[in-house]
């Protein structure tokens, strides 16, 4: 009888439920290898799986990660990181050599990493990427198992923020992670499931047991899933629904300025687009104010530069020279340029316009298609999966491509570096030795004010060449269900699951 009573009591005891967070994550990830993960959807997941020497806190600010502390030399060129006692998810110790090996692998040309340029501030990194030096020449060493010494090409006060990026992760191993979560399951085009890592150095503070990442390229459908309780977090949001959300879901809606640029990459390798008159005409006819204020309605500013004006230490930078010209006058200027280039009503310029297939992308493509008709440009719109669109841009198989860039760290160089000749993210194929020389001078200059002036001079050169068509400075839009605690809106869009909980 006593046994029966004990059994009855055990059945009656409440079983603590596992907490689950369901995140809508935009596109399907292409890779979770730090050397190849470059899209926001990929780096968000890697932020839960991997911890660099530094990591990001709930506000998106860099804090100690695998390194519990560090020191910087007086000239700012040598950083020494001291690692904490930490384990990989298989129980092996995280060592300084794991970081050195990971960075060497990313920079090795044989790896063909998409993110190698992120590490170019480390001494000899750029030369290694070009094949001029072996990976062993990298200015990063492991004098002992818990010390990483990093020598830089030039002072980089943003280094703690840069080293929190997934590209600076230690050497990855299959199904072994050093972050708060481990990969349990990846069902392509369905979900990626993460579970708590019991060997994470701060596992006691991680409150959510399971995190599901869902691909949500269709933002309209994702918002319906969030309203039905199937998703707890969704980003981005369809612009057409923001007004409704402000009225009916104000507590769930989060819109904040960010260090991000939405732009059209212009393939300068294409014969028609190699003509500066055509590139300038396209820039002139794009009505940025109409797109920002009437189409998107997210309180975003129209973009007339490549570096967002609120970038740290960069206020008062250069802008496109027609910024203050009324739109009607811009269209007239664009028509004259197209006529000079040999185009008109009986000889239209036919161009392809590539974009990912989200609802907002479709709307904006149709809007620009109508604008371009004014200057005898016939746009053929091609919508594709995000990663297919990105692959075509990498391979130069496009003419105009709609894309964006969210800063990895708060510095103007993070935008302008994308236009350097050897950067793998230079999708436009831009190659101007004067621009590269100005960027090289800026990165070597120890005085921050003079460095900024050199960066602005470089941007002015690129703006005159017009390899991009800047559209607007992107705001981050995100919806968070009321049951999620610990969420802090921040411009870097970094909301690691580690800091969240289910109320």
Protein backbone atom coordinates (compact mmCIF):
# COMPACT_ATOMS: atom_id res chain seq x y z
CA UNK A 1 0.00 0.00 0.00
CA UNK A 2 2.87 2.33 0.86
CA UNK A 3 4.40 1.67 -2.59
CA UNK A 4 1.09 2.46 -4.25
CA UNK A 5 0.84 5.74 -2.28
CA UNK A 6 4.39 6.74 -3.26
CA UNK A 7 3.62 5.98 -6.90
CA UNK A 8 0.46 8.09 -6.70
CA UNK A 9 2.38 11.01 -5.20
CA UNK A 10 5.06 10.80 -7.89
CA UNK A 11 2.40 10.91 -10.61
CA UNK A 12 0.83 13.94 -8.94
CA UNK A 13 4.10 15.91 -8.75
CA UNK A 14 4.29 18.62 -11.46
CA UNK A 15 6.87 18.09 -14.20
CA UNK A 16 8.74 21.24 -15.12
CA UNK A 17 8.02 22.06 -18.76
CA UNK A 18 10.85 22.68 -21.19
CA UNK A 19 10.93 26.32 -22.31
CA UNK A 20 10.88 26.76 -26.09
CA UNK A 21 11.56 29.91 -28.14
CA UNK A 22 10.38 30.02 -31.77
CA UNK A 23 12.19 32.56 -33.92
CA UNK A 24 11.31 33.65 -37.46
CA UNK A 25 14.68 34.21 -39.08
CA UNK A 26 14.14 35.46 -42.63
CA UNK A 27 15.91 33.37 -45.24
CA UNK A 28 17.02 29.74 -45.03
CA UNK A 29 20.70 29.62 -43.96
CA UNK A 30 23.16 28.64 -46.65
CA UNK A 31 25.92 27.65 -44.21
CA UNK A 32 26.68 27.59 -40.49
CA UNK A 33 30.42 27.44 -41.08
CA UNK A 34 31.87 30.74 -39.74
CA UNK A 35 34.11 31.01 -42.82
CA UNK A 36 31.10 31.05 -45.14
CA UNK A 37 28.20 32.40 -43.08
CA UNK A 38 27.73 36.01 -44.15
CA UNK A 39 23.97 36.63 -44.18
CA UNK A 40 22.12 37.98 -41.15
CA UNK A 41 20.07 34.77 -40.90
CA UNK A 42 23.28 32.77 -40.55
CA UNK A 43 25.18 35.02 -38.14
CA UNK A 44 22.13 35.21 -35.86
CA UNK A 45 22.11 31.43 -35.42
CA UNK A 46 25.89 31.27 -35.05
CA UNK A 47 25.60 33.85 -32.27
CA UNK A 48 23.80 31.16 -30.25
CA UNK A 49 26.23 28.37 -31.18
CA UNK A 50 29.67 29.98 -31.08
CA UNK A 51 31.43 32.43 -28.78
CA UNK A 52 34.47 34.40 -29.92
CA UNK A 53 37.06 36.10 -27.77
CA UNK A 54 34.33 38.66 -27.19
CA UNK A 55 30.57 38.37 -27.50
CA UNK A 56 27.55 40.69 -27.52
CA UNK A 57 25.42 41.45 -24.48
CA UNK A 58 21.65 41.99 -24.45
CA UNK A 59 22.14 45.54 -25.78
CA UNK A 60 24.33 44.37 -28.67
CA UNK A 61 27.50 45.74 -27.05
CA UNK A 62 30.80 43.79 -26.92
CA UNK A 63 31.61 42.09 -23.61
CA UNK A 64 34.09 39.35 -22.58
CA UNK A 65 33.46 36.00 -24.26
CA UNK A 66 36.04 33.24 -24.34
CA UNK A 67 38.49 35.93 -23.22
CA UNK A 68 37.73 37.03 -19.68
CA UNK A 69 40.02 40.07 -20.00
CA UNK A 70 42.49 41.75 -22.36
CA UNK A 71 45.13 44.47 -22.52
CA UNK A 72 46.16 46.87 -25.29
CA UNK A 73 49.61 48.29 -25.99
CA UNK A 74 50.12 52.07 -25.88
CA UNK A 75 50.31 52.31 -29.67
CA UNK A 76 47.09 50.31 -30.05
CA UNK A 77 48.71 47.70 -32.29
CA UNK A 78 49.06 44.75 -29.91
CA UNK A 79 46.15 43.20 -28.04
CA UNK A 80 46.62 40.37 -25.55
CA UNK A 81 43.58 38.25 -24.70
CA UNK A 82 43.47 35.98 -21.66
CA UNK A 83 41.07 33.05 -22.01
CA UNK A 84 38.77 31.76 -19.31
CA UNK A 85 38.49 28.06 -18.44
CA UNK A 86 35.93 26.96 -21.00
CA UNK A 87 34.95 23.76 -22.78
CA UNK A 88 33.70 22.72 -26.18
CA UNK A 89 30.42 20.82 -26.15
CA UNK A 90 32.36 17.53 -26.41
CA UNK A 91 34.26 18.29 -23.20
CA UNK A 92 37.58 19.35 -24.76
CA UNK A 93 39.16 22.59 -23.53
CA UNK A 94 38.85 25.74 -25.64
CA UNK A 95 42.41 26.84 -26.35
CA UNK A 96 44.17 29.87 -27.78
CA UNK A 97 45.33 27.76 -30.72
CA UNK A 98 41.68 27.10 -31.64
CA UNK A 99 41.35 30.80 -32.43
CA UNK A 100 44.65 31.12 -34.29
CA UNK A 101 43.85 28.02 -36.38
CA UNK A 102 40.32 29.25 -37.12
CA UNK A 103 41.54 32.60 -38.38
CA UNK A 104 44.33 31.07 -40.45
CA UNK A 105 41.81 28.74 -42.06
CA UNK A 106 39.45 31.61 -42.91
CA UNK A 107 42.25 33.64 -44.50
CA UNK A 108 43.80 30.77 -46.47
CA UNK A 109 42.87 31.30 -50.16
CA UNK A 110 42.26 27.55 -50.43
CA UNK A 111 39.31 27.93 -48.05
CA UNK A 112 37.71 30.60 -50.27
CA UNK A 113 36.03 32.12 -47.24
CA UNK A 114 33.31 34.70 -47.82
CA UNK A 115 34.16 36.49 -44.58
CA UNK A 116 37.97 36.64 -44.70
CA UNK A 117 37.99 40.41 -45.25
CA UNK A 118 36.58 40.86 -41.74
CA UNK A 119 40.00 39.85 -40.38
CA UNK A 120 42.12 42.05 -42.63
CA UNK A 121 42.90 44.45 -39.78
CA UNK A 122 45.20 41.73 -38.32
CA UNK A 123 48.82 42.03 -39.47
CA UNK A 124 49.53 40.20 -42.76
CA UNK A 125 45.91 39.06 -43.10
CA UNK A 126 45.32 40.79 -46.42
CA UNK A 127 48.56 39.41 -47.89
CA UNK A 128 47.57 35.90 -46.77
CA UNK A 129 44.16 36.27 -48.47
CA UNK A 130 45.87 37.21 -51.74
CA UNK A 131 48.28 34.27 -51.50
CA UNK A 132 51.35 36.49 -51.05
CA UNK A 133 52.08 35.07 -47.58
CA UNK A 134 51.35 31.70 -45.94
CA UNK A 135 48.67 31.50 -43.20
CA UNK A 136 51.46 30.94 -40.62
CA UNK A 137 52.51 34.59 -41.17
CA UNK A 138 49.31 35.88 -39.54
CA UNK A 139 49.86 38.37 -36.73
CA UNK A 140 47.99 36.21 -34.23
CA UNK A 141 49.82 33.75 -31.98
CA UNK A 142 49.14 31.48 -29.01
CA UNK A 143 52.13 31.78 -26.65
CA UNK A 144 50.30 29.40 -24.32
CA UNK A 145 46.97 27.56 -24.18
CA UNK A 146 45.11 30.48 -22.62
CA UNK A 147 46.68 33.53 -24.29
CA UNK A 148 46.03 34.97 -27.75
CA UNK A 149 48.29 37.80 -28.91
CA UNK A 150 46.97 39.83 -31.84
CA UNK A 151 49.16 42.26 -33.79
CA UNK A 152 47.29 44.73 -36.00
CA UNK A 153 48.12 46.54 -39.22
CA UNK A 154 46.76 49.75 -37.72
CA UNK A 155 45.00 50.82 -34.50
CA UNK A 156 41.45 49.43 -34.41
CA UNK A 157 39.44 50.61 -31.38
CA UNK A 158 36.48 48.67 -32.76
CA UNK A 159 38.34 45.33 -32.38
CA UNK A 160 36.23 44.02 -29.44
CA UNK A 161 33.10 44.49 -31.56
CA UNK A 162 34.73 42.90 -34.61
CA UNK A 163 35.91 39.85 -32.65
CA UNK A 164 32.35 39.18 -31.51
CA UNK A 165 31.39 38.52 -35.16
CA UNK A 166 31.02 34.89 -36.23
CA UNK A 167 33.88 35.27 -38.73
CA UNK A 168 36.29 35.53 -35.76
CA UNK A 169 35.11 32.26 -34.22
CA UNK A 170 37.59 29.56 -33.15
CA UNK A 171 38.24 26.65 -35.51
CA UNK A 172 34.88 24.92 -36.03
CA UNK A 173 34.45 21.18 -35.70
CA UNK A 174 31.46 19.17 -36.87
CA UNK A 175 28.64 19.20 -34.30
CA UNK A 176 30.92 20.68 -31.62
CA UNK A 177 30.22 24.17 -30.28
CA UNK A 178 31.42 26.43 -27.50
CA UNK A 179 28.37 28.68 -27.15
CA UNK A 180 25.23 28.51 -25.01
CA UNK A 181 23.48 26.17 -27.48
CA UNK A 182 24.31 23.18 -29.64
CA UNK A 183 22.80 22.14 -32.96
CA UNK A 184 20.29 19.34 -32.46
CA UNK A 185 18.56 19.17 -35.84
CA UNK A 186 18.49 20.95 -39.21
CA UNK A 187 15.55 20.20 -41.47
CA UNK A 188 16.13 22.33 -44.60
CA UNK A 189 13.30 24.77 -45.34
CA UNK A 190 11.56 23.70 -42.14
CA UNK A 191 13.50 24.59 -38.99
CA UNK A 192 16.83 24.52 -37.18
CA UNK A 193 16.61 23.31 -33.60
CA UNK A 194 19.13 24.23 -30.91
CA UNK A 195 19.29 22.88 -27.36
CA UNK A 196 21.10 24.14 -24.28
CA UNK A 197 24.79 23.34 -24.04
CA UNK A 198 25.39 21.99 -20.51
CA UNK A 199 29.16 22.57 -20.86
CA UNK A 200 28.83 26.28 -21.70
CA UNK A 201 30.83 28.32 -19.17
CA UNK A 202 27.75 30.35 -18.19
CA UNK A 203 25.14 27.60 -18.64
CA UNK A 204 23.52 28.33 -15.26
CA UNK A 205 22.17 31.66 -16.52
CA UNK A 206 20.74 30.34 -19.82
CA UNK A 207 16.97 30.17 -19.27
CA UNK A 208 15.54 28.82 -22.54
CA UNK A 209 15.96 25.09 -23.19
CA UNK A 210 15.16 24.87 -26.90
CA UNK A 211 15.35 27.42 -29.70
CA UNK A 212 13.73 26.81 -33.08
CA UNK A 213 14.77 28.97 -36.03
CA UNK A 214 12.24 29.01 -38.88
CA UNK A 215 12.92 30.33 -42.41
CA UNK A 216 10.40 33.12 -42.97
CA UNK A 217 11.14 34.74 -46.32
CA UNK A 218 7.40 35.34 -46.71
CA UNK A 219 7.07 38.04 -44.08
CA UNK A 220 3.29 38.32 -44.51
CA UNK A 221 2.84 34.65 -43.65
CA UNK A 222 5.33 34.95 -40.78
CA UNK A 223 3.35 37.78 -39.21
CA UNK A 224 0.22 35.62 -39.34
CA UNK A 225 2.14 32.83 -37.58
CA UNK A 226 3.29 35.25 -34.89
CA UNK A 227 -0.29 36.45 -34.30
CA UNK A 228 -1.37 32.80 -34.03
CA UNK A 229 1.30 32.11 -31.38
CA UNK A 230 3.41 29.87 -33.64
CA UNK A 231 6.33 32.34 -33.57
CA UNK A 232 7.67 34.38 -30.67
CA UNK A 233 10.02 36.65 -32.63
CA UNK A 234 9.91 37.67 -36.29
CA UNK A 235 12.28 39.83 -38.30
CA UNK A 236 11.96 41.48 -40.73
CA UNK A 237 8.34 42.65 -40.99
CA UNK A 238 6.31 43.49 -44.10
CA UNK A 239 6.24 47.28 -44.43
CA UNK A 240 2.57 47.19 -45.53
CA UNK A 241 1.55 45.87 -42.11
CA UNK A 242 3.51 48.27 -39.90
CA UNK A 243 0.69 50.85 -39.68
CA UNK A 244 -1.76 48.12 -38.64
CA UNK A 245 0.73 46.80 -36.07
CA UNK A 246 1.21 50.28 -34.60
CA UNK A 247 -2.54 50.37 -33.96
CA UNK A 248 -3.19 46.79 -32.88
CA UNK A 249 0.14 45.34 -31.64
CA UNK A 250 2.12 48.34 -30.36
CA UNK A 251 3.81 46.42 -27.53
CA UNK A 252 5.09 43.73 -29.92
CA UNK A 253 6.41 46.14 -32.58
CA UNK A 254 10.02 47.33 -32.42
CA UNK A 255 11.40 49.70 -35.06
CA UNK A 256 14.79 51.30 -34.51
CA UNK A 257 17.45 53.01 -36.64
CA UNK A 258 20.42 50.82 -37.44
CA UNK A 259 23.78 51.05 -39.12
CA UNK A 260 22.51 49.64 -42.38
CA UNK A 261 22.26 50.69 -46.02
CA UNK A 262 19.78 49.41 -48.62
CA UNK A 263 21.22 49.78 -52.10
CA UNK A 264 21.34 48.52 -55.67
CA UNK A 265 24.65 46.99 -56.65
CA UNK A 266 25.50 47.96 -60.24
CA UNK A 267 27.55 45.40 -62.16
CA UNK A 268 30.30 47.59 -63.64
CA UNK A 269 31.62 44.63 -65.66
CA UNK A 270 28.51 44.84 -67.85
CA UNK A 271 29.17 46.87 -71.06
CA UNK A 272 26.05 49.03 -70.72
CA UNK A 273 26.62 49.75 -67.03
CA UNK A 274 30.33 50.50 -67.52
CA UNK A 275 29.11 53.84 -68.91
CA UNK A 276 29.10 56.40 -66.06
CA UNK A 277 26.30 58.30 -67.84
CA UNK A 278 23.98 55.32 -67.47
CA UNK A 279 24.92 54.74 -63.83
CA UNK A 280 24.40 58.41 -63.05
CA UNK A 281 21.04 58.48 -64.86
CA UNK A 282 19.82 55.51 -62.82
CA UNK A 283 20.92 57.22 -59.60
CA UNK A 284 19.16 60.42 -60.64
CA UNK A 285 15.83 58.84 -61.58
CA UNK A 286 15.47 56.81 -58.37
CA UNK A 287 13.05 58.76 -56.16
CA UNK A 288 14.43 57.96 -52.71
CA UNK A 289 12.05 60.25 -50.86
CA UNK A 290 9.01 58.58 -52.40
CA UNK A 291 10.30 55.12 -51.50
CA UNK A 292 11.18 56.02 -47.91
CA UNK A 293 8.16 58.17 -47.11
CA UNK A 294 5.31 56.81 -49.24
CA UNK A 295 6.17 53.16 -49.93
CA UNK A 296 8.02 51.88 -46.84
CA UNK A 297 6.66 54.31 -44.19
CA UNK A 298 9.19 53.20 -41.55
CA UNK A 299 10.55 56.68 -40.77
CA UNK A 300 13.71 55.79 -42.68
CA UNK A 301 15.93 58.45 -44.23
CA UNK A 302 16.60 58.45 -47.99
CA UNK A 303 20.24 57.59 -48.68
CA UNK A 304 22.60 59.85 -50.60
CA UNK A 305 25.83 58.34 -49.30
CA UNK A 306 27.31 54.89 -48.75
CA UNK A 307 28.10 55.39 -45.06
CA UNK A 308 25.08 56.06 -42.79
CA UNK A 309 25.40 59.58 -41.33
CA UNK A 310 25.04 58.38 -37.71
CA UNK A 311 28.10 56.14 -37.97
CA UNK A 312 30.40 56.82 -35.04
CA UNK A 313 32.80 59.72 -35.68
CA UNK A 314 31.59 60.22 -39.26
CA UNK A 315 29.07 63.04 -39.17
CA UNK A 316 29.25 65.48 -42.08
CA UNK A 317 30.47 62.97 -44.63
CA UNK A 318 30.13 63.43 -48.41
CA UNK A 319 26.90 62.85 -50.36
CA UNK A 320 25.77 62.49 -53.96
CA UNK A 321 26.09 65.88 -55.63
CA UNK A 322 22.41 66.08 -56.66
CA UNK A 323 21.00 65.63 -53.15
CA UNK A 324 19.39 69.07 -53.05
CA UNK A 325 18.15 69.05 -56.67
CA UNK A 326 14.33 68.70 -57.04
CA UNK A 327 13.19 65.36 -58.43
CA UNK A 328 11.72 66.78 -61.65
CA UNK A 329 15.06 68.40 -62.46
CA UNK A 330 16.86 65.13 -61.72
CA UNK A 331 14.66 63.28 -64.22
CA UNK A 332 15.42 65.88 -66.87
CA UNK A 333 19.15 65.51 -66.21
CA UNK A 334 18.83 61.71 -66.40
CA UNK A 335 17.01 61.89 -69.74
CA UNK A 336 19.79 64.02 -71.23
CA UNK A 337 22.45 61.60 -70.02
CA UNK A 338 20.61 58.61 -71.51
CA UNK A 339 20.23 60.47 -74.81
CA UNK A 340 23.97 61.19 -74.83
CA UNK A 341 24.60 57.49 -74.19
CA UNK A 342 22.50 56.60 -77.26
CA UNK A 343 19.17 55.59 -75.68
CA UNK A 344 15.68 56.90 -76.33
CA UNK A 345 12.04 55.90 -76.95
CA UNK A 346 13.00 53.82 -79.99
CA UNK A 347 16.21 52.43 -78.51
CA UNK A 348 15.49 51.46 -74.94
CA UNK A 349 18.08 50.08 -72.54
CA UNK A 350 17.04 46.63 -71.34
CA UNK A 351 18.37 45.70 -67.89
CA UNK A 352 17.69 42.90 -65.42
CA UNK A 353 16.82 43.74 -61.84
CA UNK A 354 17.50 40.91 -59.37
CA UNK A 355 16.10 40.74 -55.86
CA UNK A 356 15.08 38.23 -53.18
CA UNK A 357 11.41 37.31 -53.36
CA UNK A 358 10.10 39.00 -50.19
CA UNK A 359 6.87 41.04 -50.43
CA UNK A 360 8.70 44.35 -49.89
CA UNK A 361 11.31 43.47 -52.52
CA UNK A 362 8.58 42.83 -55.06
CA UNK A 363 6.88 46.15 -54.33
CA UNK A 364 10.11 48.14 -54.56
CA UNK A 365 11.11 46.43 -57.80
CA UNK A 366 7.80 47.44 -59.41
CA UNK A 367 8.21 51.01 -58.13
CA UNK A 368 11.69 51.36 -59.67
CA UNK A 369 10.48 49.73 -62.87
CA UNK A 370 8.00 52.60 -63.26
CA UNK A 371 10.64 55.22 -62.44
CA UNK A 372 13.10 53.79 -64.95
CA UNK A 373 10.57 53.95 -67.80
CA UNK A 374 10.84 57.73 -67.63
CA UNK A 375 14.39 57.52 -69.00
CA UNK A 376 13.76 54.74 -71.53
CA UNK A 377 15.07 51.91 -69.35
CA UNK A 378 13.10 48.66 -69.51
CA UNK A 379 13.66 46.63 -66.34
CA UNK A 380 13.12 42.88 -66.36
CA UNK A 381 12.50 41.88 -62.76
CA UNK A 382 13.88 38.55 -61.55
CA UNK A 383 12.92 37.29 -58.11
CA UNK A 384 14.85 34.41 -56.56
CA UNK A 385 15.60 32.80 -53.24
CA UNK A 386 17.86 35.00 -51.11
CA UNK A 387 20.87 32.69 -51.42
CA UNK A 388 20.45 32.23 -55.16
CA UNK A 389 20.35 36.00 -55.55
CA UNK A 390 23.45 36.34 -53.38
CA UNK A 391 25.28 33.61 -55.31
CA UNK A 392 24.55 35.39 -58.59
CA UNK A 393 25.92 38.62 -57.15
CA UNK A 394 29.12 36.88 -56.01
CA UNK A 395 29.57 35.43 -59.48
CA UNK A 396 28.80 38.70 -61.25
CA UNK A 397 25.78 37.15 -62.99
CA UNK A 398 23.44 40.12 -62.71
CA UNK A 399 23.08 43.73 -63.89
CA UNK A 400 21.22 45.50 -61.06
CA UNK A 401 20.76 43.72 -57.72
CA UNK A 402 18.76 44.83 -54.69
CA UNK A 403 20.60 44.15 -51.43
CA UNK A 404 21.59 45.68 -48.10
CA UNK A 405 24.47 45.82 -45.67
CA UNK A 406 24.13 45.80 -41.88
CA UNK A 407 27.36 46.93 -40.22
CA UNK A 408 29.36 44.28 -38.41
CA UNK A 409 30.90 47.01 -36.28
CA UNK A 410 30.36 50.74 -35.88
CA UNK A 411 32.94 52.17 -38.26
CA UNK A 412 32.76 53.77 -41.72
CA UNK A 413 35.39 51.38 -43.06
CA UNK A 414 32.97 48.48 -42.60
CA UNK A 415 30.88 49.95 -45.45
CA UNK A 416 33.64 51.32 -47.66
CA UNK A 417 35.76 48.16 -47.48
CA UNK A 418 33.02 46.46 -49.52
CA UNK A 419 34.21 48.45 -52.55
CA UNK A 420 37.91 47.58 -52.36
CA UNK A 421 39.13 45.74 -55.42
CA UNK A 422 40.01 42.41 -53.76
CA UNK A 423 37.12 42.24 -51.30
CA UNK A 424 34.99 39.15 -52.10
CA UNK A 425 31.90 41.21 -51.20
CA UNK A 426 32.67 43.77 -53.89
CA UNK A 427 29.74 42.54 -55.97
CA UNK A 428 29.83 45.57 -58.29
CA UNK A 429 33.31 44.69 -59.53
CA UNK A 430 34.43 48.23 -58.65
CA UNK A 431 38.14 48.80 -59.21
CA UNK A 432 39.57 52.29 -58.76
CA UNK A 433 43.23 52.45 -57.62
CA UNK A 434 42.66 55.98 -56.25
CA UNK A 435 39.87 54.72 -54.00
CA UNK A 436 41.96 51.76 -52.82
CA UNK A 437 44.92 54.06 -52.14
CA UNK A 438 42.76 56.41 -50.07
CA UNK A 439 41.40 53.46 -48.08
CA UNK A 440 44.93 52.16 -47.54
CA UNK A 441 46.10 55.55 -46.27
CA UNK A 442 43.12 55.75 -43.91
CA UNK A 443 43.69 52.35 -42.35
CA UNK A 444 47.37 53.12 -41.71
CA UNK A 445 46.83 56.53 -40.14
CA UNK A 446 47.09 56.55 -36.33
CA UNK A 447 45.26 59.89 -35.87
CA UNK A 448 41.49 59.22 -35.75
CA UNK A 449 40.47 62.65 -37.08
CA UNK A 450 42.83 62.38 -40.07
CA UNK A 451 41.73 58.78 -40.60
CA UNK A 452 38.12 59.97 -40.83
CA UNK A 453 39.06 62.67 -43.34
CA UNK A 454 40.81 60.07 -45.51
CA UNK A 455 37.79 57.75 -45.34
CA UNK A 456 35.55 60.62 -46.42
CA UNK A 457 37.90 61.37 -49.31
CA UNK A 458 37.65 57.71 -50.35
CA UNK A 459 33.86 57.78 -50.15
CA UNK A 460 33.76 60.93 -52.30
CA UNK A 461 35.72 59.08 -55.01
CA UNK A 462 33.32 56.13 -54.93
CA UNK A 463 30.23 58.36 -54.95
CA UNK A 464 31.50 60.02 -58.14
CA UNK A 465 32.00 56.60 -59.78
CA UNK A 466 28.57 55.30 -58.66
CA UNK A 467 29.13 51.53 -58.36
CA UNK A 468 26.07 51.51 -56.08
CA UNK A 469 22.68 53.17 -56.08
CA UNK A 470 22.02 53.97 -52.39
CA UNK A 471 18.31 53.87 -51.53
CA UNK A 472 17.67 54.32 -47.82
CA UNK A 473 19.25 53.89 -44.40
CA UNK A 474 17.57 50.78 -43.09
CA UNK A 475 15.62 50.59 -39.86
CA UNK A 476 15.40 47.27 -38.07
CA UNK A 477 11.83 46.05 -37.70
CA UNK A 478 11.03 43.20 -35.36
CA UNK A 479 7.97 41.78 -33.63
CA UNK A 480 8.35 40.16 -30.21
CA UNK A 481 5.54 38.31 -28.46
CA UNK A 482 4.65 39.57 -24.95
CA UNK A 483 5.64 36.24 -23.41
CA UNK A 484 9.31 36.82 -24.29
CA UNK A 485 11.35 38.46 -21.55
CA UNK A 486 14.79 40.05 -21.72
CA UNK A 487 14.42 41.50 -25.21
CA UNK A 488 16.35 44.76 -25.71
CA UNK A 489 15.93 46.56 -29.03
CA UNK A 490 19.32 47.57 -30.41
CA UNK A 491 20.69 48.89 -33.75
CA UNK A 492 22.90 45.85 -34.36
CA UNK A 493 19.84 43.56 -34.27
CA UNK A 494 21.73 41.29 -31.87
CA UNK A 495 19.31 39.56 -29.53
CA UNK A 496 21.05 36.37 -28.51
CA UNK A 497 18.72 33.67 -27.16
CA UNK A 498 21.09 33.40 -24.19
CA UNK A 499 19.71 36.64 -22.72
CA UNK A 500 16.01 35.87 -23.26
CA UNK A 501 13.45 33.96 -21.24
CA UNK A 502 9.82 32.88 -21.48
CA UNK A 503 7.63 34.73 -18.99
